[in-house]
Amino acid sequence: MEDTDFEAFYDDYVKALDEGYAALFAAAGLSRPSGFVDWKGLMREIARELNLDVDLESDLIALAQYHVNTRAGRSHLNRLLIEEFTKDAQITENHQLIAQLPLRTVWTPNL
């Protein structure tokens, strides 16, 4: 991104924040320093059950859906989600900064 493009984006985003319609997309890596797993970490056990190597898979959502379809339900996936996302984790500076922004909408694959 060129400097002028970045400056225009910055100006537009600050205006959106001021006017209350800004949103944020925070990618999965944002919470890794907190101690949470990323998608591959979450899907590693499921891939292993399906005799797949999660590091060779590119569509982890399809992998999760296939697992749900072949296991006739999502109870195992739900258990993994609960186990992984109820662990003690640390709030990072990035999380604190995001919490201070006047945002109504944050999209994230971080659950």
N, C-alpha and C. Protein backbone atom coordinates (compact mmCIF):
# COMPACT_ATOMS: atom_id res chain seq x y z
N MET A 1 0.85 -1.17 0.00
CA MET A 1 0.00 0.00 0.00
C MET A 1 0.89 1.24 0.00
N GLU A 2 0.64 2.12 -0.89
CA GLU A 2 1.41 3.36 -0.97
C GLU A 2 1.05 4.27 0.19
N ASP A 3 1.97 5.18 0.52
CA ASP A 3 1.73 6.10 1.64
C ASP A 3 0.45 6.89 1.48
N THR A 4 0.17 7.34 0.25
CA THR A 4 -1.04 8.14 0.04
C THR A 4 -2.29 7.29 0.25
N ASP A 5 -2.22 6.02 -0.17
CA ASP A 5 -3.34 5.10 0.05
C ASP A 5 -3.56 4.88 1.55
N PHE A 6 -2.46 4.68 2.27
CA PHE A 6 -2.55 4.46 3.70
C PHE A 6 -3.11 5.69 4.40
N GLU A 7 -2.64 6.86 4.01
CA GLU A 7 -3.12 8.10 4.62
C GLU A 7 -4.62 8.28 4.38
N ALA A 8 -5.07 7.97 3.17
CA ALA A 8 -6.50 8.09 2.86
C ALA A 8 -7.31 7.08 3.69
N PHE A 9 -6.80 5.85 3.78
CA PHE A 9 -7.47 4.84 4.61
C PHE A 9 -7.53 5.30 6.07
N TYR A 10 -6.41 5.78 6.57
CA TYR A 10 -6.34 6.25 7.96
C TYR A 10 -7.36 7.37 8.20
N ASP A 11 -7.39 8.34 7.32
CA ASP A 11 -8.35 9.45 7.46
C ASP A 11 -9.79 8.95 7.44
N ASP A 12 -10.09 8.05 6.51
CA ASP A 12 -11.45 7.51 6.42
C ASP A 12 -11.81 6.70 7.66
N TYR A 13 -10.84 5.92 8.17
CA TYR A 13 -11.12 5.08 9.34
C TYR A 13 -11.32 5.92 10.60
N VAL A 14 -10.51 6.94 10.77
CA VAL A 14 -10.67 7.85 11.92
C VAL A 14 -12.05 8.52 11.86
N LYS A 15 -12.46 8.93 10.67
CA LYS A 15 -13.78 9.53 10.51
C LYS A 15 -14.88 8.53 10.88
N ALA A 16 -14.71 7.28 10.42
CA ALA A 16 -15.69 6.24 10.74
C ALA A 16 -15.74 5.99 12.25
N LEU A 17 -14.59 5.99 12.91
CA LEU A 17 -14.57 5.84 14.37
C LEU A 17 -15.31 6.99 15.03
N ASP A 18 -15.01 8.20 14.60
CA ASP A 18 -15.65 9.39 15.19
C ASP A 18 -17.16 9.38 15.00
N GLU A 19 -17.60 8.88 13.84
CA GLU A 19 -19.03 8.91 13.53
C GLU A 19 -19.76 7.64 13.96
N GLY A 20 -19.03 6.67 14.52
CA GLY A 20 -19.66 5.48 15.10
C GLY A 20 -20.01 4.36 14.16
N TYR A 21 -19.42 4.34 12.97
CA TYR A 21 -19.73 3.24 12.05
C TYR A 21 -18.51 2.42 11.64
N ALA A 22 -17.41 2.56 12.36
CA ALA A 22 -16.21 1.79 12.05
C ALA A 22 -16.38 0.35 12.53
N ALA A 23 -15.71 -0.55 11.86
CA ALA A 23 -15.69 -1.96 12.25
C ALA A 23 -14.24 -2.42 12.21
N LEU A 24 -13.99 -3.59 12.77
CA LEU A 24 -12.64 -4.15 12.80
C LEU A 24 -12.70 -5.63 12.49
N PHE A 25 -11.79 -6.09 11.66
CA PHE A 25 -11.60 -7.52 11.46
C PHE A 25 -10.28 -7.87 12.12
N ALA A 26 -10.33 -8.70 13.16
CA ALA A 26 -9.13 -9.13 13.88
C ALA A 26 -8.90 -10.60 13.53
N ALA A 27 -7.79 -10.87 12.88
CA ALA A 27 -7.49 -12.23 12.42
C ALA A 27 -7.17 -13.15 13.60
N ALA A 28 -7.17 -14.45 13.32
CA ALA A 28 -7.00 -15.46 14.36
C ALA A 28 -5.69 -15.33 15.12
N GLY A 29 -4.66 -14.83 14.49
CA GLY A 29 -3.37 -14.71 15.16
C GLY A 29 -3.35 -13.71 16.30
N LEU A 30 -4.34 -12.84 16.36
CA LEU A 30 -4.36 -11.82 17.40
C LEU A 30 -4.38 -12.42 18.81
N SER A 31 -5.06 -13.53 19.00
CA SER A 31 -5.19 -14.11 20.33
C SER A 31 -4.16 -15.20 20.64
N ARG A 32 -3.32 -15.54 19.73
CA ARG A 32 -2.30 -16.55 20.00
C ARG A 32 -1.37 -16.15 21.15
N PRO A 33 -0.91 -14.89 21.22
CA PRO A 33 -0.05 -14.52 22.35
C PRO A 33 -0.76 -14.63 23.71
N SER A 34 -2.10 -14.69 23.70
CA SER A 34 -2.86 -14.84 24.94
C SER A 34 -2.84 -16.27 25.46
N GLY A 35 -2.47 -17.20 24.59
CA GLY A 35 -2.48 -18.60 24.97
C GLY A 35 -3.55 -19.41 24.27
N PHE A 36 -4.33 -18.78 23.40
CA PHE A 36 -5.34 -19.50 22.65
C PHE A 36 -4.74 -20.17 21.42
N VAL A 37 -5.40 -21.23 20.97
CA VAL A 37 -4.95 -21.91 19.76
C VAL A 37 -5.45 -21.15 18.54
N ASP A 38 -4.79 -21.41 17.40
CA ASP A 38 -5.30 -20.90 16.14
C ASP A 38 -6.14 -22.02 15.52
N TRP A 39 -6.63 -21.77 14.32
CA TRP A 39 -7.48 -22.78 13.65
C TRP A 39 -6.77 -24.12 13.52
N LYS A 40 -5.53 -24.10 13.06
CA LYS A 40 -4.83 -25.38 12.89
C LYS A 40 -4.65 -26.09 14.22
N GLY A 41 -4.35 -25.34 15.25
CA GLY A 41 -4.21 -25.96 16.57
C GLY A 41 -5.51 -26.57 17.04
N LEU A 42 -6.61 -25.88 16.80
CA LEU A 42 -7.92 -26.39 17.19
C LEU A 42 -8.30 -27.64 16.40
N MET A 43 -7.97 -27.65 15.12
CA MET A 43 -8.38 -28.76 14.25
C MET A 43 -7.39 -29.92 14.21
N ARG A 44 -6.26 -29.80 14.87
CA ARG A 44 -5.21 -30.84 14.81
C ARG A 44 -5.74 -32.21 15.25
N GLU A 45 -6.42 -32.28 16.39
CA GLU A 45 -6.94 -33.56 16.89
C GLU A 45 -8.00 -34.14 15.96
N ILE A 46 -8.86 -33.28 15.44
CA ILE A 46 -9.91 -33.74 14.53
C ILE A 46 -9.30 -34.28 13.24
N ALA A 47 -8.31 -33.57 12.70
CA ALA A 47 -7.65 -34.05 11.48
C ALA A 47 -6.99 -35.41 11.74
N ARG A 48 -6.36 -35.54 12.89
CA ARG A 48 -5.69 -36.81 13.22
C ARG A 48 -6.72 -37.95 13.27
N GLU A 49 -7.90 -37.69 13.84
CA GLU A 49 -8.96 -38.71 13.89
C GLU A 49 -9.39 -39.14 12.48
N LEU A 50 -9.29 -38.21 11.53
CA LEU A 50 -9.68 -38.49 10.15
C LEU A 50 -8.50 -38.96 9.31
N ASN A 51 -7.37 -39.25 9.97
CA ASN A 51 -6.14 -39.68 9.29
C ASN A 51 -5.66 -38.64 8.28
N LEU A 52 -5.75 -37.38 8.67
CA LEU A 52 -5.28 -36.28 7.84
C LEU A 52 -4.20 -35.50 8.58
N ASP A 53 -3.39 -34.82 7.83
CA ASP A 53 -2.37 -33.94 8.40
C ASP A 53 -2.89 -32.52 8.29
N VAL A 54 -3.21 -31.91 9.43
CA VAL A 54 -3.80 -30.57 9.41
C VAL A 54 -2.90 -29.56 8.72
N ASP A 55 -1.59 -29.78 8.74
CA ASP A 55 -0.67 -28.84 8.09
C ASP A 55 -0.74 -28.91 6.57
N LEU A 56 -1.35 -29.96 6.04
CA LEU A 56 -1.51 -30.08 4.59
C LEU A 56 -2.90 -29.64 4.12
N GLU A 57 -3.78 -29.33 5.07
CA GLU A 57 -5.14 -28.95 4.72
C GLU A 57 -5.23 -27.44 4.53
N SER A 58 -6.02 -27.02 3.54
CA SER A 58 -6.17 -25.59 3.27
C SER A 58 -7.55 -25.07 3.63
N ASP A 59 -8.54 -25.94 3.73
CA ASP A 59 -9.91 -25.50 4.05
C ASP A 59 -10.32 -26.12 5.38
N LEU A 60 -9.98 -25.45 6.46
CA LEU A 60 -10.23 -26.00 7.78
C LEU A 60 -11.71 -25.96 8.15
N ILE A 61 -12.46 -25.05 7.56
CA ILE A 61 -13.91 -25.02 7.80
C ILE A 61 -14.55 -26.27 7.18
N ALA A 62 -14.12 -26.63 5.98
CA ALA A 62 -14.64 -27.85 5.34
C ALA A 62 -14.23 -29.08 6.15
N LEU A 63 -13.03 -29.07 6.71
CA LEU A 63 -12.57 -30.18 7.55
C LEU A 63 -13.48 -30.32 8.77
N ALA A 64 -13.79 -29.20 9.43
CA ALA A 64 -14.69 -29.23 10.59
C ALA A 64 -16.07 -29.74 10.19
N GLN A 65 -16.60 -29.26 9.05
CA GLN A 65 -17.93 -29.70 8.61
C GLN A 65 -17.93 -31.18 8.26
N TYR A 66 -16.88 -31.65 7.61
CA TYR A 66 -16.77 -33.08 7.28
C TYR A 66 -16.79 -33.91 8.55
N HIS A 67 -16.05 -33.46 9.55
CA HIS A 67 -16.01 -34.17 10.83
C HIS A 67 -17.40 -34.23 11.45
N VAL A 68 -18.11 -33.10 11.45
CA VAL A 68 -19.47 -33.06 12.00
C VAL A 68 -20.38 -34.01 11.22
N ASN A 69 -20.28 -33.99 9.89
CA ASN A 69 -21.13 -34.85 9.06
C ASN A 69 -20.86 -36.33 9.28
N THR A 70 -19.59 -36.71 9.37
CA THR A 70 -19.25 -38.13 9.51
C THR A 70 -19.44 -38.63 10.94
N ARG A 71 -19.46 -37.76 11.91
CA ARG A 71 -19.65 -38.15 13.31
C ARG A 71 -21.09 -37.94 13.77
N ALA A 72 -21.96 -37.58 12.84
CA ALA A 72 -23.39 -37.39 13.11
C ALA A 72 -23.64 -36.39 14.23
N GLY A 73 -22.89 -35.33 14.23
CA GLY A 73 -23.13 -34.28 15.22
C GLY A 73 -21.86 -33.51 15.55
N ARG A 74 -22.03 -32.46 16.30
CA ARG A 74 -20.88 -31.62 16.60
C ARG A 74 -20.45 -31.67 18.05
N SER A 75 -20.86 -32.71 18.78
CA SER A 75 -20.53 -32.77 20.21
C SER A 75 -19.01 -32.76 20.45
N HIS A 76 -18.26 -33.49 19.65
CA HIS A 76 -16.80 -33.52 19.83
C HIS A 76 -16.19 -32.15 19.51
N LEU A 77 -16.62 -31.55 18.44
CA LEU A 77 -16.13 -30.23 18.08
C LEU A 77 -16.52 -29.20 19.16
N ASN A 78 -17.73 -29.29 19.66
CA ASN A 78 -18.16 -28.40 20.74
C ASN A 78 -17.28 -28.57 21.98
N ARG A 79 -16.96 -29.82 22.32
CA ARG A 79 -16.11 -30.09 23.48
C ARG A 79 -14.74 -29.46 23.30
N LEU A 80 -14.16 -29.62 22.11
CA LEU A 80 -12.86 -29.01 21.84
C LEU A 80 -12.91 -27.49 21.96
N LEU A 81 -13.95 -26.89 21.41
CA LEU A 81 -14.10 -25.43 21.51
C LEU A 81 -14.19 -24.98 22.96
N ILE A 82 -15.00 -25.68 23.74
CA ILE A 82 -15.15 -25.32 25.14
C ILE A 82 -13.83 -25.49 25.89
N GLU A 83 -13.15 -26.61 25.66
CA GLU A 83 -11.86 -26.84 26.33
C GLU A 83 -10.84 -25.76 25.98
N GLU A 84 -10.72 -25.45 24.72
CA GLU A 84 -9.69 -24.51 24.27
C GLU A 84 -9.99 -23.07 24.65
N PHE A 85 -11.25 -22.69 24.63
CA PHE A 85 -11.56 -21.28 24.83
C PHE A 85 -12.08 -20.95 26.23
N THR A 86 -11.95 -21.92 27.15
CA THR A 86 -12.22 -21.61 28.55
C THR A 86 -10.95 -21.75 29.39
N LYS A 87 -9.84 -21.98 28.73
CA LYS A 87 -8.56 -22.04 29.44
C LYS A 87 -8.21 -20.64 29.95
N ASP A 88 -7.41 -20.63 31.00
CA ASP A 88 -6.90 -19.34 31.46
C ASP A 88 -6.04 -18.74 30.35
N ALA A 89 -6.30 -17.51 30.07
CA ALA A 89 -5.54 -16.81 29.03
C ALA A 89 -5.22 -15.42 29.54
N GLN A 90 -4.24 -14.83 28.94
CA GLN A 90 -3.82 -13.49 29.31
C GLN A 90 -4.38 -12.47 28.33
N ILE A 91 -4.85 -11.37 28.85
CA ILE A 91 -5.27 -10.27 27.99
C ILE A 91 -4.01 -9.56 27.53
N THR A 92 -3.91 -9.33 26.23
CA THR A 92 -2.73 -8.67 25.68
C THR A 92 -2.99 -7.17 25.52
N GLU A 93 -1.93 -6.45 25.25
CA GLU A 93 -2.06 -5.03 25.00
C GLU A 93 -2.97 -4.77 23.79
N ASN A 94 -2.87 -5.62 22.78
CA ASN A 94 -3.74 -5.46 21.60
C ASN A 94 -5.21 -5.56 21.97
N HIS A 95 -5.55 -6.53 22.83
CA HIS A 95 -6.94 -6.66 23.27
C HIS A 95 -7.39 -5.42 24.04
N GLN A 96 -6.52 -4.90 24.88
CA GLN A 96 -6.86 -3.70 25.65
C GLN A 96 -7.08 -2.50 24.72
N LEU A 97 -6.24 -2.37 23.70
CA LEU A 97 -6.39 -1.27 22.75
C LEU A 97 -7.70 -1.39 21.97
N ILE A 98 -8.01 -2.59 21.52
CA ILE A 98 -9.26 -2.80 20.77
C ILE A 98 -10.46 -2.49 21.66
N ALA A 99 -10.40 -2.89 22.93
CA ALA A 99 -11.51 -2.66 23.85
C ALA A 99 -11.76 -1.16 24.07
N GLN A 100 -10.76 -0.35 23.87
CA GLN A 100 -10.91 1.09 24.07
C GLN A 100 -11.45 1.81 22.83
N LEU A 101 -11.46 1.13 21.70
CA LEU A 101 -11.95 1.77 20.48
C LEU A 101 -13.47 1.87 20.50
N PRO A 102 -14.02 2.92 19.92
CA PRO A 102 -15.49 3.05 19.87
C PRO A 102 -16.06 2.22 18.72
N LEU A 103 -16.02 0.91 18.89
CA LEU A 103 -16.48 -0.01 17.85
C LEU A 103 -17.78 -0.69 18.27
N ARG A 104 -18.66 -0.84 17.33
CA ARG A 104 -19.87 -1.63 17.55
C ARG A 104 -19.73 -3.01 16.94
N THR A 105 -18.83 -3.14 15.97
CA THR A 105 -18.70 -4.38 15.23
C THR A 105 -17.24 -4.81 15.16
N VAL A 106 -16.99 -6.04 15.60
CA VAL A 106 -15.67 -6.66 15.46
C VAL A 106 -15.90 -8.05 14.89
N TRP A 107 -15.31 -8.31 13.73
CA TRP A 107 -15.38 -9.64 13.14
C TRP A 107 -14.09 -10.35 13.48
N THR A 108 -14.21 -11.62 13.86
CA THR A 108 -13.02 -12.40 14.17
C THR A 108 -13.33 -13.88 14.08
N PRO A 109 -12.37 -14.67 13.65
CA PRO A 109 -12.53 -16.12 13.71
C PRO A 109 -12.10 -16.64 15.08
N ASN A 110 -11.86 -15.76 16.02
CA ASN A 110 -11.35 -16.13 17.34
C ASN A 110 -12.40 -16.62 18.31
N LEU A 111 -13.62 -16.73 17.97
CA LEU A 111 -14.67 -17.16 18.87
C LEU A 111 -14.75 -16.35 20.13
